[in-house]
Amino acid sequence: MKTPEQTTIHGAVRDGIVRSLAVIGLAGMALIHLLDLPGQLSETPYIFVLYLALMIASVALAGALIGTSDTRAWAAATALSALVVVGYVLSSTSGLPSSTDDIGNWSDPLGIASLFVEGSLVALGSAVLVARWMRVGAALAAGTGRVPGPRELHEPSGA
């Protein structure tokens, strides 16, 4: 059985690793869309604006995850990644308004890289969020009479 110190150290190391992976993934997501940005302004200006917003949000969330392991930052990073996957699928299946050039284009190297990075972020963020929600459920099931406080939910544990 682990001592409380070992659990705390283990949890902190694991949290640092998953946060680092998420930061790298968010940076990758911004880079992929930066590489795909040329031409978007003249072809579909609203997609150009969406790309810029995505890049800014990715960098901001990466910065937030560097500084904290807040559940809200994890939820936002997970949701942003999932929305980008949905946008890619829509653009490749039915097309987007004023943009039907990518229908059926599933072999684009940047698109494949995008799906890999964003899918990995959705999986990682979902795992972190589910683990935190399970801690709340375990605390309630244990009959401790209280739900873990915000500090306990937003910080890593060894569980």
N, C-alpha and C. Protein backbone atom coordinates (compact mmCIF):
# COMPACT_ATOMS: atom_id res chain seq x y z
N MET A 1 0.84 -1.19 0.00
CA MET A 1 0.00 0.00 0.00
C MET A 1 0.88 1.24 0.00
N LYS A 2 0.47 2.25 -0.76
CA LYS A 2 1.24 3.47 -0.87
C LYS A 2 0.97 4.39 0.31
N THR A 3 2.00 5.11 0.68
CA THR A 3 1.83 6.12 1.72
C THR A 3 1.18 7.34 1.10
N PRO A 4 0.59 8.22 1.91
CA PRO A 4 0.00 9.44 1.34
C PRO A 4 1.01 10.27 0.54
N GLU A 5 2.28 10.31 0.98
CA GLU A 5 3.30 11.06 0.26
C GLU A 5 3.55 10.46 -1.12
N GLN A 6 3.61 9.13 -1.19
CA GLN A 6 3.84 8.49 -2.48
C GLN A 6 2.68 8.74 -3.42
N THR A 7 1.49 8.68 -2.90
CA THR A 7 0.32 8.93 -3.72
C THR A 7 0.32 10.36 -4.24
N THR A 8 0.66 11.30 -3.40
CA THR A 8 0.70 12.70 -3.80
C THR A 8 1.77 12.91 -4.86
N ILE A 9 2.96 12.37 -4.67
CA ILE A 9 4.03 12.51 -5.65
C ILE A 9 3.64 11.83 -6.95
N HIS A 10 3.11 10.62 -6.85
CA HIS A 10 2.68 9.88 -8.04
C HIS A 10 1.62 10.68 -8.81
N GLY A 11 0.65 11.20 -8.10
CA GLY A 11 -0.41 11.97 -8.74
C GLY A 11 0.12 13.24 -9.39
N ALA A 12 1.05 13.91 -8.71
CA ALA A 12 1.61 15.14 -9.26
C ALA A 12 2.43 14.87 -10.53
N VAL A 13 3.19 13.78 -10.52
CA VAL A 13 3.98 13.43 -11.70
C VAL A 13 3.05 13.07 -12.86
N ARG A 14 2.05 12.26 -12.58
CA ARG A 14 1.11 11.87 -13.63
C ARG A 14 0.37 13.10 -14.18
N ASP A 15 -0.03 14.00 -13.30
CA ASP A 15 -0.70 15.21 -13.73
C ASP A 15 0.22 16.06 -14.62
N GLY A 16 1.47 16.17 -14.24
CA GLY A 16 2.43 16.92 -15.05
C GLY A 16 2.60 16.32 -16.43
N ILE A 17 2.61 15.00 -16.49
CA ILE A 17 2.77 14.34 -17.79
C ILE A 17 1.55 14.57 -18.68
N VAL A 18 0.35 14.38 -18.14
CA VAL A 18 -0.85 14.54 -18.98
C VAL A 18 -1.04 16.00 -19.36
N ARG A 19 -0.72 16.93 -18.48
CA ARG A 19 -0.81 18.34 -18.83
C ARG A 19 0.19 18.68 -19.94
N SER A 20 1.40 18.14 -19.86
CA SER A 20 2.40 18.37 -20.90
C SER A 20 1.93 17.83 -22.24
N LEU A 21 1.36 16.64 -22.23
CA LEU A 21 0.83 16.06 -23.48
C LEU A 21 -0.28 16.93 -24.06
N ALA A 22 -1.15 17.43 -23.20
CA ALA A 22 -2.24 18.29 -23.66
C ALA A 22 -1.70 19.60 -24.24
N VAL A 23 -0.71 20.18 -23.60
CA VAL A 23 -0.11 21.42 -24.10
C VAL A 23 0.51 21.19 -25.47
N ILE A 24 1.24 20.10 -25.62
CA ILE A 24 1.85 19.77 -26.92
C ILE A 24 0.75 19.56 -27.97
N GLY A 25 -0.31 18.86 -27.60
CA GLY A 25 -1.41 18.63 -28.53
C GLY A 25 -2.10 19.93 -28.95
N LEU A 26 -2.33 20.82 -27.99
CA LEU A 26 -2.96 22.10 -28.32
C LEU A 26 -2.06 22.95 -29.22
N ALA A 27 -0.76 22.91 -28.95
CA ALA A 27 0.18 23.63 -29.82
C ALA A 27 0.18 23.01 -31.21
N GLY A 28 0.11 21.69 -31.29
CA GLY A 28 0.05 21.00 -32.58
C GLY A 28 -1.21 21.37 -33.34
N MET A 29 -2.32 21.46 -32.63
CA MET A 29 -3.58 21.82 -33.27
C MET A 29 -3.48 23.24 -33.86
N ALA A 30 -2.88 24.17 -33.11
CA ALA A 30 -2.70 25.53 -33.62
C ALA A 30 -1.77 25.54 -34.83
N LEU A 31 -0.70 24.78 -34.77
CA LEU A 31 0.27 24.73 -35.88
C LEU A 31 -0.36 24.15 -37.14
N ILE A 32 -1.10 23.07 -37.01
CA ILE A 32 -1.74 22.45 -38.17
C ILE A 32 -2.65 23.45 -38.88
N HIS A 33 -3.41 24.21 -38.09
CA HIS A 33 -4.33 25.16 -38.71
C HIS A 33 -3.60 26.40 -39.23
N LEU A 34 -2.47 26.74 -38.63
CA LEU A 34 -1.64 27.81 -39.18
C LEU A 34 -1.10 27.42 -40.55
N LEU A 35 -0.68 26.17 -40.69
CA LEU A 35 -0.16 25.68 -41.97
C LEU A 35 -1.24 25.62 -43.04
N ASP A 36 -2.48 25.42 -42.63
CA ASP A 36 -3.60 25.34 -43.58
C ASP A 36 -4.24 26.71 -43.83
N LEU A 37 -3.77 27.74 -43.12
CA LEU A 37 -4.37 29.07 -43.20
C LEU A 37 -4.22 29.78 -44.54
N PRO A 38 -3.05 29.69 -45.21
CA PRO A 38 -2.91 30.42 -46.47
C PRO A 38 -4.02 30.04 -47.47
N GLY A 39 -4.57 31.03 -48.06
CA GLY A 39 -5.62 30.79 -49.04
C GLY A 39 -7.02 30.83 -48.46
N GLN A 40 -7.16 30.62 -47.15
CA GLN A 40 -8.49 30.61 -46.56
C GLN A 40 -9.16 31.99 -46.62
N LEU A 41 -8.38 33.05 -46.49
CA LEU A 41 -8.95 34.40 -46.49
C LEU A 41 -9.62 34.70 -47.82
N SER A 42 -8.97 34.32 -48.92
CA SER A 42 -9.56 34.61 -50.23
C SER A 42 -10.64 33.60 -50.60
N GLU A 43 -10.51 32.35 -50.15
CA GLU A 43 -11.48 31.32 -50.51
C GLU A 43 -12.74 31.40 -49.64
N THR A 44 -12.57 31.33 -48.34
CA THR A 44 -13.69 31.35 -47.40
C THR A 44 -13.29 32.17 -46.17
N PRO A 45 -13.57 33.46 -46.21
CA PRO A 45 -13.13 34.34 -45.12
C PRO A 45 -13.61 33.91 -43.73
N TYR A 46 -14.81 33.37 -43.61
CA TYR A 46 -15.28 32.98 -42.28
C TYR A 46 -14.48 31.80 -41.73
N ILE A 47 -14.00 30.92 -42.58
CA ILE A 47 -13.15 29.81 -42.11
C ILE A 47 -11.80 30.37 -41.68
N PHE A 48 -11.30 31.38 -42.36
CA PHE A 48 -10.07 32.06 -41.95
C PHE A 48 -10.23 32.61 -40.52
N VAL A 49 -11.36 33.25 -40.25
CA VAL A 49 -11.62 33.81 -38.92
C VAL A 49 -11.74 32.68 -37.88
N LEU A 50 -12.42 31.60 -38.26
CA LEU A 50 -12.55 30.46 -37.34
C LEU A 50 -11.18 29.84 -37.04
N TYR A 51 -10.33 29.75 -38.04
CA TYR A 51 -8.96 29.24 -37.83
C TYR A 51 -8.20 30.13 -36.84
N LEU A 52 -8.30 31.44 -37.04
CA LEU A 52 -7.63 32.36 -36.13
C LEU A 52 -8.15 32.20 -34.70
N ALA A 53 -9.46 32.12 -34.55
CA ALA A 53 -10.06 31.94 -33.23
C ALA A 53 -9.60 30.61 -32.61
N LEU A 54 -9.53 29.57 -33.42
CA LEU A 54 -9.07 28.27 -32.94
C LEU A 54 -7.62 28.34 -32.46
N MET A 55 -6.78 29.00 -33.24
CA MET A 55 -5.37 29.11 -32.86
C MET A 55 -5.21 29.90 -31.57
N ILE A 56 -5.94 30.99 -31.43
CA ILE A 56 -5.87 31.80 -30.21
C ILE A 56 -6.37 30.99 -29.02
N ALA A 57 -7.50 30.31 -29.18
CA ALA A 57 -8.05 29.50 -28.09
C ALA A 57 -7.11 28.36 -27.71
N SER A 58 -6.49 27.74 -28.70
CA SER A 58 -5.55 26.64 -28.42
C SER A 58 -4.37 27.12 -27.60
N VAL A 59 -3.81 28.25 -27.99
CA VAL A 59 -2.65 28.79 -27.26
C VAL A 59 -3.07 29.23 -25.86
N ALA A 60 -4.24 29.85 -25.74
CA ALA A 60 -4.72 30.29 -24.43
C ALA A 60 -4.95 29.09 -23.50
N LEU A 61 -5.56 28.04 -24.02
CA LEU A 61 -5.81 26.85 -23.20
C LEU A 61 -4.50 26.14 -22.86
N ALA A 62 -3.56 26.13 -23.77
CA ALA A 62 -2.24 25.56 -23.46
C ALA A 62 -1.60 26.33 -22.31
N GLY A 63 -1.70 27.65 -22.37
CA GLY A 63 -1.17 28.48 -21.28
C GLY A 63 -1.87 28.20 -19.96
N ALA A 64 -3.18 28.02 -20.02
CA ALA A 64 -3.93 27.71 -18.80
C ALA A 64 -3.49 26.37 -18.22
N LEU A 65 -3.31 25.38 -19.08
CA LEU A 65 -2.90 24.05 -18.60
C LEU A 65 -1.45 24.01 -18.14
N ILE A 66 -0.63 24.92 -18.62
CA ILE A 66 0.74 25.01 -18.10
C ILE A 66 0.69 25.48 -16.65
N GLY A 67 -0.21 26.42 -16.37
CA GLY A 67 -0.28 27.02 -15.04
C GLY A 67 -1.12 26.28 -14.03
N THR A 68 -2.08 25.48 -14.49
CA THR A 68 -2.99 24.83 -13.55
C THR A 68 -3.56 23.56 -14.17
N SER A 69 -4.12 22.74 -13.32
CA SER A 69 -4.79 21.54 -13.80
C SER A 69 -6.29 21.66 -13.55
N ASP A 70 -6.78 22.87 -13.72
CA ASP A 70 -8.18 23.18 -13.45
C ASP A 70 -9.10 22.37 -14.34
N THR A 71 -10.14 21.83 -13.76
CA THR A 71 -11.11 21.02 -14.49
C THR A 71 -11.75 21.81 -15.64
N ARG A 72 -11.97 23.09 -15.42
CA ARG A 72 -12.58 23.91 -16.48
C ARG A 72 -11.67 24.03 -17.69
N ALA A 73 -10.36 24.14 -17.48
CA ALA A 73 -9.42 24.20 -18.60
C ALA A 73 -9.42 22.88 -19.35
N TRP A 74 -9.46 21.76 -18.62
CA TRP A 74 -9.52 20.45 -19.26
C TRP A 74 -10.81 20.30 -20.07
N ALA A 75 -11.92 20.73 -19.50
CA ALA A 75 -13.20 20.62 -20.21
C ALA A 75 -13.20 21.47 -21.48
N ALA A 76 -12.66 22.67 -21.38
CA ALA A 76 -12.61 23.55 -22.55
C ALA A 76 -11.69 22.98 -23.64
N ALA A 77 -10.55 22.45 -23.25
CA ALA A 77 -9.62 21.87 -24.24
C ALA A 77 -10.24 20.65 -24.92
N THR A 78 -10.95 19.85 -24.14
CA THR A 78 -11.61 18.66 -24.68
C THR A 78 -12.73 19.06 -25.63
N ALA A 79 -13.55 20.02 -25.22
CA ALA A 79 -14.66 20.48 -26.06
C ALA A 79 -14.16 21.13 -27.35
N LEU A 80 -13.12 21.96 -27.24
CA LEU A 80 -12.56 22.61 -28.43
C LEU A 80 -12.07 21.57 -29.43
N SER A 81 -11.36 20.57 -28.94
CA SER A 81 -10.83 19.52 -29.82
C SER A 81 -11.97 18.75 -30.48
N ALA A 82 -13.00 18.44 -29.71
CA ALA A 82 -14.15 17.71 -30.26
C ALA A 82 -14.86 18.54 -31.32
N LEU A 83 -14.99 19.83 -31.10
CA LEU A 83 -15.64 20.70 -32.08
C LEU A 83 -14.86 20.75 -33.39
N VAL A 84 -13.54 20.74 -33.30
CA VAL A 84 -12.71 20.76 -34.51
C VAL A 84 -12.89 19.45 -35.28
N VAL A 85 -12.97 18.34 -34.58
CA VAL A 85 -13.23 17.05 -35.24
C VAL A 85 -14.57 17.09 -35.96
N VAL A 86 -15.59 17.62 -35.29
CA VAL A 86 -16.91 17.73 -35.91
C VAL A 86 -16.85 18.62 -37.15
N GLY A 87 -16.13 19.74 -37.07
CA GLY A 87 -15.98 20.63 -38.22
C GLY A 87 -15.29 19.94 -39.38
N TYR A 88 -14.27 19.16 -39.08
CA TYR A 88 -13.55 18.44 -40.15
C TYR A 88 -14.47 17.39 -40.81
N VAL A 89 -15.20 16.67 -40.00
CA VAL A 89 -16.10 15.65 -40.54
C VAL A 89 -17.19 16.31 -41.39
N LEU A 90 -17.74 17.41 -40.92
CA LEU A 90 -18.75 18.10 -41.71
C LEU A 90 -18.18 18.62 -43.03
N SER A 91 -16.97 19.19 -42.98
CA SER A 91 -16.39 19.72 -44.21
C SER A 91 -16.05 18.62 -45.21
N SER A 92 -15.80 17.42 -44.72
CA SER A 92 -15.44 16.31 -45.61
C SER A 92 -16.64 15.48 -46.05
N THR A 93 -17.78 15.66 -45.40
CA THR A 93 -18.97 14.88 -45.78
C THR A 93 -19.97 15.76 -46.53
N SER A 94 -20.62 16.66 -45.83
CA SER A 94 -21.65 17.49 -46.47
C SER A 94 -21.12 18.82 -46.95
N GLY A 95 -19.93 19.19 -46.49
CA GLY A 95 -19.37 20.49 -46.84
C GLY A 95 -19.87 21.55 -45.89
N LEU A 96 -19.20 22.68 -45.91
CA LEU A 96 -19.60 23.83 -45.08
C LEU A 96 -20.16 24.89 -45.99
N PRO A 97 -20.93 25.84 -45.44
CA PRO A 97 -21.47 26.91 -46.30
C PRO A 97 -20.36 27.61 -47.08
N SER A 98 -20.55 27.75 -48.37
CA SER A 98 -19.59 28.38 -49.29
C SER A 98 -18.27 27.63 -49.38
N SER A 99 -18.25 26.39 -48.94
CA SER A 99 -17.01 25.60 -48.97
C SER A 99 -17.34 24.13 -49.15
N THR A 100 -17.39 23.72 -50.41
CA THR A 100 -17.68 22.32 -50.70
C THR A 100 -16.49 21.61 -51.35
N ASP A 101 -15.36 22.30 -51.43
CA ASP A 101 -14.17 21.73 -52.09
C ASP A 101 -13.61 20.51 -51.36
N ASP A 102 -13.82 20.42 -50.05
CA ASP A 102 -13.21 19.34 -49.28
C ASP A 102 -14.11 18.10 -49.14
N ILE A 103 -15.26 18.10 -49.76
CA ILE A 103 -16.14 16.93 -49.68
C ILE A 103 -15.41 15.72 -50.25
N GLY A 104 -15.32 14.68 -49.47
CA GLY A 104 -14.66 13.45 -49.88
C GLY A 104 -13.15 13.47 -49.77
N ASN A 105 -12.58 14.56 -49.32
CA ASN A 105 -11.12 14.68 -49.22
C ASN A 105 -10.66 14.19 -47.85
N TRP A 106 -10.57 12.88 -47.70
CA TRP A 106 -10.17 12.28 -46.43
C TRP A 106 -8.68 11.96 -46.38
N SER A 107 -7.95 12.16 -47.48
CA SER A 107 -6.54 11.76 -47.52
C SER A 107 -5.57 12.94 -47.41
N ASP A 108 -6.08 14.12 -47.12
CA ASP A 108 -5.22 15.28 -46.96
C ASP A 108 -4.30 15.09 -45.75
N PRO A 109 -2.98 15.20 -45.92
CA PRO A 109 -2.05 14.95 -44.80
C PRO A 109 -2.30 15.84 -43.58
N LEU A 110 -2.61 17.13 -43.80
CA LEU A 110 -2.91 17.99 -42.66
C LEU A 110 -4.21 17.59 -41.98
N GLY A 111 -5.16 17.13 -42.76
CA GLY A 111 -6.43 16.67 -42.19
C GLY A 111 -6.25 15.43 -41.34
N ILE A 112 -5.43 14.50 -41.82
CA ILE A 112 -5.15 13.28 -41.05
C ILE A 112 -4.41 13.63 -39.76
N ALA A 113 -3.42 14.53 -39.87
CA ALA A 113 -2.69 14.96 -38.68
C ALA A 113 -3.64 15.66 -37.70
N SER A 114 -4.52 16.47 -38.23
CA SER A 114 -5.49 17.18 -37.40
C SER A 114 -6.39 16.20 -36.65
N LEU A 115 -6.91 15.23 -37.36
CA LEU A 115 -7.78 14.23 -36.69
C LEU A 115 -7.02 13.46 -35.62
N PHE A 116 -5.78 13.12 -35.88
CA PHE A 116 -4.98 12.39 -34.90
C PHE A 116 -4.76 13.22 -33.63
N VAL A 117 -4.33 14.47 -33.81
CA VAL A 117 -4.03 15.32 -32.66
C VAL A 117 -5.31 15.63 -31.88
N GLU A 118 -6.36 16.02 -32.57
CA GLU A 118 -7.60 16.38 -31.88
C GLU A 118 -8.27 15.17 -31.25
N GLY A 119 -8.23 14.03 -31.93
CA GLY A 119 -8.77 12.81 -31.34
C GLY A 119 -8.02 12.40 -30.10
N SER A 120 -6.70 12.56 -30.12
CA SER A 120 -5.88 12.25 -28.95
C SER A 120 -6.20 13.18 -27.80
N LEU A 121 -6.42 14.46 -28.10
CA LEU A 121 -6.78 15.42 -27.05
C LEU A 121 -8.15 15.11 -26.46
N VAL A 122 -9.09 14.72 -27.30
CA VAL A 122 -10.42 14.34 -26.79
C VAL A 122 -10.30 13.13 -25.86
N ALA A 123 -9.52 12.14 -26.27
CA ALA A 123 -9.34 10.95 -25.43
C ALA A 123 -8.65 11.29 -24.12
N LEU A 124 -7.59 12.06 -24.19
CA LEU A 124 -6.83 12.43 -22.98
C LEU A 124 -7.68 13.28 -22.04
N GLY A 125 -8.30 14.32 -22.58
CA GLY A 125 -9.14 15.18 -21.75
C GLY A 125 -10.32 14.44 -21.16
N SER A 126 -10.93 13.55 -21.93
CA SER A 126 -12.05 12.76 -21.41
C SER A 126 -11.61 11.86 -20.27
N ALA A 127 -10.43 11.26 -20.41
CA ALA A 127 -9.92 10.38 -19.35
C ALA A 127 -9.68 11.17 -18.06
N VAL A 128 -9.12 12.36 -18.19
CA VAL A 128 -8.87 13.20 -17.00
C VAL A 128 -10.20 13.58 -16.36
N LEU A 129 -11.16 14.02 -17.16
CA LEU A 129 -12.45 14.46 -16.62
C LEU A 129 -13.23 13.31 -15.98
N VAL A 130 -13.22 12.16 -16.64
CA VAL A 130 -13.93 11.00 -16.07
C VAL A 130 -13.30 10.58 -14.75
N ALA A 131 -11.97 10.59 -14.67
CA ALA A 131 -11.29 10.22 -13.42
C ALA A 131 -11.70 11.18 -12.30
N ARG A 132 -11.82 12.45 -12.61
CA ARG A 132 -12.21 13.42 -11.58
C ARG A 132 -13.66 13.22 -11.16
N TRP A 133 -14.53 12.96 -12.12
CA TRP A 133 -15.93 12.74 -11.78
C TRP A 133 -16.10 11.45 -10.99
N MET A 134 -15.27 10.47 -11.28
CA MET A 134 -15.35 9.21 -10.52
C MET A 134 -14.93 9.44 -9.07
N ARG A 135 -13.98 10.34 -8.83
CA ARG A 135 -13.59 10.67 -7.45
C ARG A 135 -14.76 11.26 -6.69
N VAL A 136 -15.54 12.12 -7.36
CA VAL A 136 -16.71 12.70 -6.71
C VAL A 136 -17.71 11.60 -6.37
N GLY A 137 -17.95 10.70 -7.34
CA GLY A 137 -18.87 9.59 -7.10
C GLY A 137 -18.39 8.68 -5.99
N ALA A 138 -17.09 8.42 -5.95
CA ALA A 138 -16.54 7.55 -4.91
C ALA A 138 -16.69 8.19 -3.54
N ALA A 139 -16.49 9.50 -3.48
CA ALA A 139 -16.63 10.19 -2.20
C ALA A 139 -18.07 10.14 -1.72
N LEU A 140 -19.00 10.30 -2.65
CA LEU A 140 -20.42 10.23 -2.27
C LEU A 140 -20.80 8.82 -1.86
N ALA A 141 -20.30 7.82 -2.60
CA ALA A 141 -20.62 6.43 -2.28
C ALA A 141 -20.01 6.00 -0.95
N ALA A 142 -18.86 6.58 -0.61
CA ALA A 142 -18.20 6.22 0.64
C ALA A 142 -18.94 6.79 1.84
N GLY A 143 -19.89 7.64 1.58
CA GLY A 143 -20.68 8.19 2.67
C GLY A 143 -19.91 9.15 3.55
N THR A 144 -18.97 9.86 2.96
CA THR A 144 -18.18 10.79 3.75
C THR A 144 -19.00 12.00 4.16
N GLY A 145 -20.18 12.12 3.56
CA GLY A 145 -21.05 13.22 3.93
C GLY A 145 -20.71 14.53 3.23
N ARG A 146 -19.73 14.48 2.33
CA ARG A 146 -19.38 15.70 1.61
C ARG A 146 -18.83 15.36 0.24
N VAL A 147 -18.97 16.30 -0.64
CA VAL A 147 -18.40 16.20 -1.98
C VAL A 147 -17.03 16.86 -1.92
N PRO A 148 -16.02 16.32 -2.63
CA PRO A 148 -14.71 16.98 -2.63
C PRO A 148 -14.84 18.44 -3.05
N GLY A 149 -14.11 19.31 -2.38
CA GLY A 149 -14.15 20.74 -2.66
C GLY A 149 -13.46 21.08 -3.97
N PRO A 150 -13.59 22.33 -4.40
CA PRO A 150 -12.99 22.76 -5.66
C PRO A 150 -11.48 22.49 -5.71
N ARG A 151 -10.79 22.72 -4.62
CA ARG A 151 -9.34 22.50 -4.61
C ARG A 151 -9.04 21.02 -4.85
N GLU A 152 -9.83 20.14 -4.27
CA GLU A 152 -9.60 18.70 -4.44
C GLU A 152 -9.94 18.25 -5.85
N LEU A 153 -10.94 18.87 -6.46
CA LEU A 153 -11.33 18.48 -7.82
C LEU A 153 -10.37 19.00 -8.87
N HIS A 154 -9.79 20.15 -8.63
CA HIS A 154 -8.94 20.78 -9.64
C HIS A 154 -7.48 20.40 -9.53
N GLU A 155 -7.11 19.72 -8.48
CA GLU A 155 -5.72 19.32 -8.31
C GLU A 155 -5.59 17.82 -8.51
N PRO A 156 -4.42 17.38 -8.92
CA PRO A 156 -4.21 15.95 -9.17
C PRO A 156 -4.24 15.15 -7.88
N SER A 157 -4.58 13.89 -8.05
CA SER A 157 -4.47 12.95 -6.94
C SER A 157 -3.84 11.68 -7.45
N GLY A 158 -3.49 10.81 -6.57
CA GLY A 158 -2.85 9.57 -6.97
C GLY A 158 -3.82 8.51 -7.41
N ALA A 159 -5.12 8.79 -7.38
CA ALA A 159 -6.11 7.77 -7.74
C ALA A 159 -6.08 7.45 -9.20
